[in-house]
Amino acid sequence: MFLIGLKHRPTFLKNYINPAIESGFVKVLYPEKLNHPRQRYLLTVKGEALLSSLNKRGKS
């Protein structure tokens, strides 16, 4: 959120995180406990591939 300048967490979850999870780009570290104190969002293989292609395109 901080990196892209957003401050309202519910909107961030609704507009960015949930669609990324549903599309398979992101997964949660503890899927059985969404409110786990050490919950993290992780890129999937599909997400890493997208990030890599975006980085390559940005360097051109």
N, C-alpha and C. Protein backbone atom coordinates (compact mmCIF):
# COMPACT_ATOMS: atom_id res chain seq x y z
N MET A 1 0.83 -1.18 0.00
CA MET A 1 0.00 0.00 0.00
C MET A 1 0.88 1.25 0.00
N PHE A 2 1.88 1.22 0.87
CA PHE A 2 2.76 2.39 1.01
C PHE A 2 3.46 2.70 -0.31
N LEU A 3 3.95 1.66 -1.00
CA LEU A 3 4.72 1.87 -2.22
C LEU A 3 3.91 2.51 -3.34
N ILE A 4 2.61 2.26 -3.36
CA ILE A 4 1.80 2.86 -4.41
C ILE A 4 0.97 4.04 -3.91
N GLY A 5 1.19 4.44 -2.68
CA GLY A 5 0.59 5.66 -2.15
C GLY A 5 -0.86 5.53 -1.70
N LEU A 6 -1.29 4.34 -1.31
CA LEU A 6 -2.66 4.16 -0.83
C LEU A 6 -2.68 4.05 0.68
N LYS A 7 -3.75 4.57 1.29
CA LYS A 7 -3.83 4.57 2.74
C LYS A 7 -5.05 3.84 3.29
N HIS A 8 -6.07 3.64 2.50
CA HIS A 8 -7.31 3.04 2.97
C HIS A 8 -7.27 1.53 2.72
N ARG A 9 -7.00 0.76 3.77
CA ARG A 9 -6.80 -0.68 3.66
C ARG A 9 -7.99 -1.43 3.06
N PRO A 10 -9.24 -1.16 3.48
CA PRO A 10 -10.36 -1.91 2.88
C PRO A 10 -10.45 -1.74 1.36
N THR A 11 -10.21 -0.54 0.87
CA THR A 11 -10.23 -0.31 -0.56
C THR A 11 -9.08 -1.02 -1.24
N PHE A 12 -7.91 -1.01 -0.63
CA PHE A 12 -6.74 -1.70 -1.17
C PHE A 12 -7.03 -3.19 -1.29
N LEU A 13 -7.62 -3.78 -0.26
CA LEU A 13 -7.95 -5.21 -0.30
C LEU A 13 -8.97 -5.50 -1.40
N LYS A 14 -10.01 -4.69 -1.47
CA LYS A 14 -11.09 -4.91 -2.43
C LYS A 14 -10.61 -4.73 -3.88
N ASN A 15 -9.82 -3.70 -4.13
CA ASN A 15 -9.45 -3.36 -5.50
C ASN A 15 -8.17 -4.02 -6.00
N TYR A 16 -7.28 -4.43 -5.09
CA TYR A 16 -5.99 -4.95 -5.52
C TYR A 16 -5.70 -6.36 -5.02
N ILE A 17 -5.74 -6.58 -3.72
CA ILE A 17 -5.32 -7.87 -3.16
C ILE A 17 -6.29 -8.99 -3.52
N ASN A 18 -7.59 -8.79 -3.28
CA ASN A 18 -8.55 -9.86 -3.56
C ASN A 18 -8.57 -10.26 -5.04
N PRO A 19 -8.57 -9.31 -5.99
CA PRO A 19 -8.51 -9.72 -7.40
C PRO A 19 -7.19 -10.46 -7.74
N ALA A 20 -6.09 -10.05 -7.13
CA ALA A 20 -4.82 -10.73 -7.39
C ALA A 20 -4.84 -12.16 -6.85
N ILE A 21 -5.46 -12.37 -5.71
CA ILE A 21 -5.59 -13.72 -5.15
C ILE A 21 -6.49 -14.56 -6.04
N GLU A 22 -7.63 -14.01 -6.45
CA GLU A 22 -8.58 -14.74 -7.29
C GLU A 22 -7.98 -15.09 -8.65
N SER A 23 -7.09 -14.24 -9.16
CA SER A 23 -6.46 -14.48 -10.46
C SER A 23 -5.25 -15.41 -10.36
N GLY A 24 -4.82 -15.71 -9.15
CA GLY A 24 -3.71 -16.63 -8.97
C GLY A 24 -2.33 -15.99 -9.00
N PHE A 25 -2.25 -14.67 -8.86
CA PHE A 25 -0.96 -13.99 -8.85
C PHE A 25 -0.37 -13.91 -7.44
N VAL A 26 -1.23 -13.97 -6.43
CA VAL A 26 -0.82 -13.82 -5.04
C VAL A 26 -1.50 -14.91 -4.21
N LYS A 27 -0.81 -15.37 -3.16
CA LYS A 27 -1.42 -16.31 -2.21
C LYS A 27 -1.09 -15.82 -0.81
N VAL A 28 -1.84 -16.32 0.16
CA VAL A 28 -1.57 -15.96 1.55
C VAL A 28 -0.75 -17.04 2.21
N LEU A 29 0.06 -16.66 3.18
CA LEU A 29 0.94 -17.59 3.87
C LEU A 29 0.15 -18.55 4.75
N TYR A 30 -0.88 -18.06 5.42
CA TYR A 30 -1.72 -18.89 6.29
C TYR A 30 -3.16 -18.85 5.78
N PRO A 31 -3.50 -19.63 4.75
CA PRO A 31 -4.84 -19.54 4.18
C PRO A 31 -5.95 -19.99 5.12
N GLU A 32 -5.62 -20.85 6.08
CA GLU A 32 -6.65 -21.31 7.01
C GLU A 32 -6.94 -20.31 8.11
N LYS A 33 -6.05 -19.33 8.32
CA LYS A 33 -6.23 -18.31 9.36
C LYS A 33 -5.92 -16.94 8.75
N LEU A 34 -6.93 -16.33 8.15
CA LEU A 34 -6.71 -15.06 7.46
C LEU A 34 -6.30 -13.92 8.39
N ASN A 35 -6.60 -14.03 9.67
CA ASN A 35 -6.22 -12.98 10.62
C ASN A 35 -5.01 -13.37 11.45
N HIS A 36 -4.21 -14.29 10.95
CA HIS A 36 -3.00 -14.72 11.66
C HIS A 36 -2.07 -13.52 11.84
N PRO A 37 -1.46 -13.38 13.02
CA PRO A 37 -0.62 -12.20 13.27
C PRO A 37 0.59 -12.08 12.33
N ARG A 38 1.04 -13.18 11.77
CA ARG A 38 2.17 -13.13 10.85
C ARG A 38 1.75 -13.37 9.39
N GLN A 39 0.49 -13.05 9.08
CA GLN A 39 -0.03 -13.26 7.73
C GLN A 39 0.76 -12.42 6.74
N ARG A 40 1.09 -13.02 5.62
CA ARG A 40 1.82 -12.34 4.55
C ARG A 40 1.20 -12.71 3.22
N TYR A 41 1.38 -11.86 2.24
CA TYR A 41 0.96 -12.14 0.87
C TYR A 41 2.21 -12.50 0.09
N LEU A 42 2.14 -13.61 -0.65
CA LEU A 42 3.28 -14.10 -1.40
C LEU A 42 2.93 -14.20 -2.88
N LEU A 43 3.91 -13.92 -3.74
CA LEU A 43 3.70 -14.10 -5.17
C LEU A 43 3.72 -15.58 -5.50
N THR A 44 2.83 -15.98 -6.38
CA THR A 44 2.85 -17.35 -6.89
C THR A 44 3.82 -17.38 -8.07
N VAL A 45 4.00 -18.54 -8.67
CA VAL A 45 4.85 -18.66 -9.85
C VAL A 45 4.30 -17.76 -10.96
N LYS A 46 2.99 -17.75 -11.09
CA LYS A 46 2.34 -16.89 -12.09
C LYS A 46 2.61 -15.41 -11.80
N GLY A 47 2.57 -15.03 -10.53
CA GLY A 47 2.85 -13.65 -10.14
C GLY A 47 4.29 -13.26 -10.38
N GLU A 48 5.21 -14.19 -10.10
CA GLU A 48 6.63 -13.92 -10.33
C GLU A 48 6.92 -13.77 -11.81
N ALA A 49 6.26 -14.57 -12.64
CA ALA A 49 6.44 -14.45 -14.09
C ALA A 49 5.95 -13.10 -14.59
N LEU A 50 4.80 -12.65 -14.08
CA LEU A 50 4.29 -11.34 -14.48
C LEU A 50 5.24 -10.23 -14.05
N LEU A 51 5.72 -10.29 -12.81
CA LEU A 51 6.65 -9.28 -12.32
C LEU A 51 7.93 -9.25 -13.16
N SER A 52 8.43 -10.43 -13.50
CA SER A 52 9.63 -10.51 -14.31
C SER A 52 9.42 -9.87 -15.70
N SER A 53 8.28 -10.17 -16.31
CA SER A 53 8.01 -9.60 -17.63
C SER A 53 7.82 -8.09 -17.57
N LEU A 54 7.21 -7.60 -16.48
CA LEU A 54 7.04 -6.16 -16.33
C LEU A 54 8.39 -5.47 -16.12
N ASN A 55 9.27 -6.11 -15.35
CA ASN A 55 10.60 -5.54 -15.12
C ASN A 55 11.40 -5.50 -16.40
N LYS A 56 11.31 -6.55 -17.22
CA LYS A 56 12.03 -6.58 -18.49
C LYS A 56 11.51 -5.49 -19.43
N ARG A 57 10.20 -5.31 -19.45
CA ARG A 57 9.59 -4.31 -20.32
C ARG A 57 9.99 -2.91 -19.87
N GLY A 58 10.11 -2.69 -18.57
CA GLY A 58 10.48 -1.38 -18.03
C GLY A 58 11.92 -1.00 -18.32
N LYS A 59 12.79 -1.99 -18.50
CA LYS A 59 14.20 -1.73 -18.78
C LYS A 59 14.46 -1.39 -20.23
N SER A 60 13.50 -1.66 -21.11
CA SER A 60 13.68 -1.41 -22.54
C SER A 60 13.61 0.04 -22.88
